[in-house]
Amino acid sequence: MAETKTNSIRQDSRVSLSTKTHATVVIPCFNEGPGIESLANTLKELVDKHEERFAFEIILVDDGSKDDTWELLADHFGDWDNCQLLQHERNTGLMAAIMTGAKAAQTEVVCSMDSDCTYHPNELPNLIEGLTEGIAMVTGSPYHPDGQVENMVAWRLVLSRFASFLYRLLLSNKLYCYTSCFRAFRKSVVENIGLENTGFVGTAELVWRIEQQGEWRILEVPTTLHVRQIGQSKCRVARVTWRHLMLMAKIVLSKLKNSPTTPMARQS
C-alpha cells in the first residue's frame, strides 16, 4: 500500500516547465522590522521580472517577532493579491516557520529563502528548473565549485563549510552545502516530514529525512551568498554547532542500526 502511494505522488507531482509554473515562496521573519521595506521591493522585482514564466505566490511567516515586523508586513504586503501573511504566537525557529508556510502553500512547487535576501530571489528560477523527475528538492549552494561567497566573516564560513563536509561524509546525497535554506522542493514530499530540529539545524535534517525515504534525490545548484546588509543574524553559533553535532551522532547511530548484520554479530 505504501509503495502505491509513493508512485502516485511521483506521477502527480511532476513539475512541468512547458507552461507558466506556479510556485510559492515561503519566507520566515523574526524581528526583521528594519528590512521589511527592502524585502518588499526585492520580491516585487522577482514577481515582475519572471511573470512570463512563473506565477509566484508569497507566504510570509512572522515567527513570534517582538518588534514591529508583523505591522510592517501588513503595511507593505497587505494589499498584494498573491501574498499570504501568517503569524506564530512565539518564536519556533527557522525550519518550523518554513514548514508552516509549506503546509499552507497551494502549489506543488514551494521555495524557501531568508528574509534578509542573502541569497537573491532572482536565482529561484534556477532552483525550480532543477525539480525534474525523481528530484524532491533543489538546494542553492554557495560552496559549490561554481558558487560564490561574498564578504562573509571568515570564522563563520569555516564552521559552516566544516559542518557541510561532515554531513557529506555521512549522507548519500553528496552535496557541498547542507545548511542553506535557499531551496525549491515538492510540497507533497516535504510537508508531512516531522523535524526534531525546528531551527537552523533543521535545514540539514530535512536532507537526511528525505534521504531516508529512499525514493527521491536532492539536487544542488551553485548560488551566491551575500553578506547581510540590514539587521542582525539570529543564529547562535555555539548552540547551533552543538545541535549539528547531535544530529550527526543521530545519523551515525541510525546507519549502524540499519546496517546489515555482520557474520561475527550473528555468531554472538
Protein backbone atom coordinates (compact mmCIF):
# COMPACT_ATOMS: atom_id res chain seq x y z
CA MET A 1 0.00 0.00 0.00
CA ALA A 2 2.81 2.43 0.91
CA GLU A 3 4.60 1.77 -2.39
CA THR A 4 1.45 2.51 -4.38
CA LYS A 5 1.03 5.82 -2.57
CA THR A 6 4.63 6.85 -3.31
CA ASN A 7 4.28 6.05 -7.01
CA SER A 8 1.08 8.08 -7.14
CA ILE A 9 2.79 11.08 -5.57
CA ARG A 10 5.60 10.88 -8.10
CA GLN A 11 3.22 10.83 -11.02
CA ASP A 12 1.05 13.66 -9.73
CA SER A 13 3.90 15.90 -8.59
CA ARG A 14 5.94 16.21 -11.76
CA VAL A 15 6.93 19.82 -12.37
CA SER A 16 6.08 20.96 -15.86
CA LEU A 17 8.08 23.86 -17.22
CA SER A 18 6.39 23.88 -20.64
CA THR A 19 3.81 26.42 -19.42
CA LYS A 20 3.83 29.05 -16.69
CA THR A 21 4.91 27.39 -13.46
CA HIS A 22 3.07 28.18 -10.25
CA ALA A 23 5.33 28.32 -7.20
CA THR A 24 5.05 29.53 -3.62
CA VAL A 25 7.92 31.38 -1.94
CA VAL A 26 7.98 30.92 1.86
CA ILE A 27 9.92 33.47 3.89
CA PRO A 28 10.31 33.22 7.69
CA CYS A 29 10.67 36.54 9.52
CA PHE A 30 11.85 37.01 13.10
CA ASN A 31 12.49 40.55 14.33
CA GLU A 32 13.15 41.75 10.79
CA GLY A 33 11.40 45.12 11.02
CA PRO A 34 14.26 47.22 9.56
CA GLY A 35 14.44 45.05 6.44
CA ILE A 36 10.77 44.60 5.51
CA GLU A 37 10.61 47.51 3.06
CA SER A 38 13.72 46.25 1.25
CA LEU A 39 12.24 42.73 1.19
CA ALA A 40 9.04 44.03 -0.40
CA ASN A 41 10.98 45.81 -3.14
CA THR A 42 13.10 42.74 -3.85
CA LEU A 43 10.12 40.40 -4.05
CA LYS A 44 8.30 42.80 -6.37
CA GLU A 45 11.34 42.66 -8.63
CA LEU A 46 11.18 38.84 -8.58
CA VAL A 47 7.47 38.72 -9.46
CA ASP A 48 7.71 41.33 -12.22
CA LYS A 49 10.92 40.06 -13.80
CA HIS A 50 9.74 36.46 -14.18
CA GLU A 51 6.00 36.95 -14.72
CA GLU A 52 6.06 35.43 -18.21
CA ARG A 53 7.40 32.07 -16.94
CA PHE A 54 6.38 31.90 -13.29
CA ALA A 55 3.33 32.76 -11.22
CA PHE A 56 4.71 33.35 -7.74
CA GLU A 57 2.67 33.22 -4.55
CA ILE A 58 4.31 34.69 -1.45
CA ILE A 59 3.85 33.43 2.12
CA LEU A 60 5.49 35.46 4.88
CA VAL A 61 5.61 33.83 8.31
CA ASP A 62 6.18 36.10 11.29
CA ASP A 63 7.86 33.70 13.69
CA GLY A 64 6.92 35.32 17.01
CA SER A 65 8.67 38.65 16.43
CA LYS A 66 8.93 41.07 19.35
CA ASP A 67 9.47 44.16 17.21
CA ASP A 68 7.19 45.75 14.60
CA THR A 69 7.73 43.05 11.97
CA TRP A 70 4.06 41.99 11.87
CA GLU A 71 2.79 45.56 11.47
CA LEU A 72 5.32 46.30 8.74
CA LEU A 73 4.44 43.09 6.89
CA ALA A 74 0.81 44.19 6.88
CA ASP A 75 1.77 47.69 5.69
CA HIS A 76 3.98 46.54 2.82
CA PHE A 77 2.26 43.33 1.73
CA GLY A 78 -1.32 43.68 2.92
CA ASP A 79 -2.64 44.75 -0.50
CA TRP A 80 -0.74 42.12 -2.52
CA ASP A 81 -3.19 39.73 -4.19
CA ASN A 82 -0.56 36.99 -4.35
CA CYS A 83 0.61 37.24 -0.73
CA GLN A 84 -0.44 35.49 2.49
CA LEU A 85 0.69 36.59 5.96
CA LEU A 86 0.93 34.03 8.77
CA GLN A 87 1.97 34.53 12.38
CA HIS A 88 3.35 32.33 15.15
CA GLU A 89 2.48 33.44 18.67
CA ARG A 90 6.01 32.58 19.82
CA ASN A 91 9.35 32.04 18.14
CA THR A 92 9.60 28.42 16.98
CA GLY A 93 12.63 28.51 14.69
CA LEU A 94 13.59 28.93 11.06
CA MET A 95 12.55 25.48 9.82
CA ALA A 96 9.33 25.47 11.83
CA ALA A 97 8.31 28.70 10.10
CA ILE A 98 9.25 27.29 6.69
CA MET A 99 7.20 24.15 7.34
CA THR A 100 4.22 26.29 8.39
CA GLY A 101 4.43 28.09 5.07
CA ALA A 102 4.91 24.87 3.10
CA LYS A 103 1.76 23.36 4.60
CA ALA A 104 -0.22 26.50 3.77
CA ALA A 105 1.01 26.62 0.16
CA GLN A 106 -1.49 25.90 -2.61
CA THR A 107 1.16 24.89 -5.14
CA GLU A 108 3.21 21.72 -5.50
CA VAL A 109 6.40 23.75 -6.02
CA VAL A 110 7.49 25.52 -2.83
CA CYS A 111 10.61 27.64 -2.35
CA SER A 112 12.18 28.90 0.86
CA MET A 113 14.56 31.79 1.39
CA ASP A 114 15.91 34.13 4.07
CA SER A 115 14.10 37.40 4.71
CA ASP A 116 17.41 39.28 4.52
CA CYS A 117 17.91 38.16 0.89
CA THR A 118 21.47 36.95 1.45
CA TYR A 119 20.55 34.69 -1.45
CA HIS A 120 18.95 36.84 -4.13
CA PRO A 121 15.46 35.58 -5.01
CA ASN A 122 16.12 36.17 -8.71
CA GLU A 123 18.06 32.89 -8.55
CA LEU A 124 14.94 30.92 -7.53
CA PRO A 125 14.00 30.05 -11.15
CA ASN A 126 17.29 28.14 -11.45
CA LEU A 127 16.30 26.03 -8.44
CA ILE A 128 12.75 25.42 -9.69
CA GLU A 129 14.01 24.23 -13.06
CA GLY A 130 16.00 21.55 -11.26
CA LEU A 131 12.84 19.86 -9.95
CA THR A 132 12.81 17.27 -12.69
CA GLU A 133 11.63 13.66 -12.44
CA GLY A 134 12.88 11.97 -9.26
CA ILE A 135 14.18 15.17 -7.64
CA ALA A 136 12.49 16.08 -4.36
CA MET A 137 14.48 19.18 -3.52
CA VAL A 138 16.98 21.54 -5.11
CA THR A 139 19.24 23.47 -2.76
CA GLY A 140 21.22 26.57 -3.60
CA SER A 141 24.89 26.17 -2.72
CA PRO A 142 27.49 28.90 -2.28
CA TYR A 143 30.07 26.16 -1.59
CA HIS A 144 29.57 24.51 -4.98
CA PRO A 145 32.70 24.89 -7.16
CA ASP A 146 30.76 27.38 -9.28
CA GLY A 147 29.17 29.14 -6.29
CA GLN A 148 30.40 32.25 -4.51
CA VAL A 149 30.57 33.72 -1.02
CA GLU A 150 30.83 37.49 -0.72
CA ASN A 151 32.21 39.27 2.37
CA MET A 152 31.28 36.58 4.88
CA VAL A 153 33.00 36.55 8.27
CA ALA A 154 35.88 34.09 7.90
CA TRP A 155 35.41 32.03 11.09
CA ARG A 156 31.68 31.54 10.49
CA LEU A 157 32.41 30.46 6.94
CA VAL A 158 34.93 27.90 8.18
CA LEU A 159 32.43 26.44 10.67
CA SER A 160 29.68 26.21 8.07
CA ARG A 161 31.94 24.60 5.48
CA PHE A 162 33.24 22.10 8.04
CA ALA A 163 29.69 21.12 9.06
CA SER A 164 28.80 20.53 5.41
CA PHE A 165 31.99 18.47 4.97
CA LEU A 166 30.95 16.19 7.84
CA TYR A 167 27.40 15.80 6.51
CA ARG A 168 28.86 14.93 3.10
CA LEU A 169 30.74 12.05 4.74
CA LEU A 170 27.59 10.79 6.47
CA LEU A 171 24.86 11.18 3.87
CA SER A 172 24.29 9.60 0.47
CA ASN A 173 23.36 12.84 -1.26
CA LYS A 174 26.83 14.27 -1.80
CA LEU A 175 26.20 18.00 -1.56
CA TYR A 176 28.65 20.82 -0.98
CA CYS A 177 26.24 22.67 1.32
CA TYR A 178 23.65 21.18 3.70
CA THR A 179 22.84 24.28 5.73
CA SER A 180 21.32 26.60 3.14
CA CYS A 181 17.59 27.34 3.41
CA PHE A 182 17.56 28.71 -0.16
CA ARG A 183 15.67 25.83 -1.74
CA ALA A 184 12.91 24.64 -4.03
CA PHE A 185 11.07 21.46 -3.12
CA ARG A 186 7.92 19.41 -3.70
CA LYS A 187 5.19 20.11 -1.17
CA SER A 188 3.88 16.55 -1.41
CA VAL A 189 7.26 15.15 -0.34
CA VAL A 190 8.18 17.61 2.40
CA GLU A 191 5.01 18.84 4.12
CA ASN A 192 4.45 15.75 6.31
CA ILE A 193 8.08 15.23 7.34
CA GLY A 194 8.46 15.63 11.08
CA LEU A 195 11.61 17.52 12.05
CA GLU A 196 13.12 17.29 15.51
CA ASN A 197 15.24 20.37 14.83
CA THR A 198 12.94 23.29 14.13
CA GLY A 199 15.71 25.90 13.97
CA PHE A 200 18.73 26.34 11.69
CA VAL A 201 19.87 22.71 12.08
CA GLY A 202 16.57 21.60 10.55
CA THR A 203 17.96 22.55 7.12
CA ALA A 204 20.41 19.63 7.33
CA GLU A 205 17.90 17.32 9.00
CA LEU A 206 15.47 17.80 6.11
CA VAL A 207 18.10 16.47 3.68
CA TRP A 208 18.51 13.38 5.85
CA ARG A 209 14.77 12.82 6.26
CA ILE A 210 14.21 12.97 2.50
CA GLU A 211 17.12 10.60 2.02
CA GLN A 212 15.57 8.14 4.49
CA GLN A 213 12.53 7.80 2.25
CA GLY A 214 14.77 6.18 -0.34
CA GLU A 215 12.62 7.30 -3.27
CA TRP A 216 13.94 10.73 -4.11
CA ARG A 217 17.17 12.54 -4.91
CA ILE A 218 18.36 16.02 -3.92
CA LEU A 219 20.00 18.31 -6.45
CA GLU A 220 22.39 21.17 -5.80
CA VAL A 221 22.92 24.27 -7.95
CA PRO A 222 25.55 26.99 -7.44
CA THR A 223 24.42 30.28 -5.91
CA THR A 224 25.98 33.39 -4.43
CA LEU A 225 25.80 34.05 -0.69
CA HIS A 226 25.86 37.76 0.11
CA VAL A 227 26.59 39.32 3.48
CA ARG A 228 23.53 40.58 5.38
CA GLN A 229 23.01 44.30 4.77
CA ILE A 230 20.17 45.05 7.20
CA GLY A 231 19.54 43.78 10.74
CA GLN A 232 21.41 41.06 12.60
CA SER A 233 21.73 37.31 12.23
CA LYS A 234 19.60 35.28 14.66
CA CYS A 235 21.98 32.31 14.57
CA ARG A 236 23.53 31.43 17.95
CA VAL A 237 26.73 29.77 16.81
CA ALA A 238 27.59 27.70 19.90
CA ARG A 239 24.04 26.34 20.27
CA VAL A 240 23.71 25.59 16.55
CA THR A 241 27.12 23.88 16.44
CA TRP A 242 26.15 21.61 19.35
CA ARG A 243 22.86 20.68 17.71
CA HIS A 244 24.61 19.90 14.43
CA LEU A 245 26.89 17.51 16.33
CA MET A 246 23.88 15.91 18.00
CA LEU A 247 22.18 15.42 14.63
CA MET A 248 25.34 13.90 13.17
CA ALA A 249 25.51 11.46 16.07
CA LYS A 250 21.89 10.51 15.46
CA ILE A 251 22.60 9.89 11.76
CA VAL A 252 25.57 7.67 12.65
CA LEU A 253 23.50 5.66 15.15
CA SER A 254 20.71 5.25 12.61
CA LYS A 255 23.13 3.95 9.99
CA LEU A 256 24.68 1.50 12.45
CA LYS A 257 21.26 0.26 13.50
CA ASN A 258 20.13 -0.28 9.92
CA SER A 259 23.37 -1.70 8.55
CA PRO A 260 23.47 -5.41 7.54
CA THR A 261 24.40 -7.72 10.40
CA THR A 262 27.97 -8.97 10.11
CA PRO A 263 28.80 -12.74 10.44
CA MET A 264 30.58 -12.04 13.73
CA ALA A 265 27.50 -10.28 15.11
CA ARG A 266 25.28 -13.21 14.11
CA GLN A 267 27.52 -15.69 15.87
CA SER A 268 27.35 -13.72 19.09
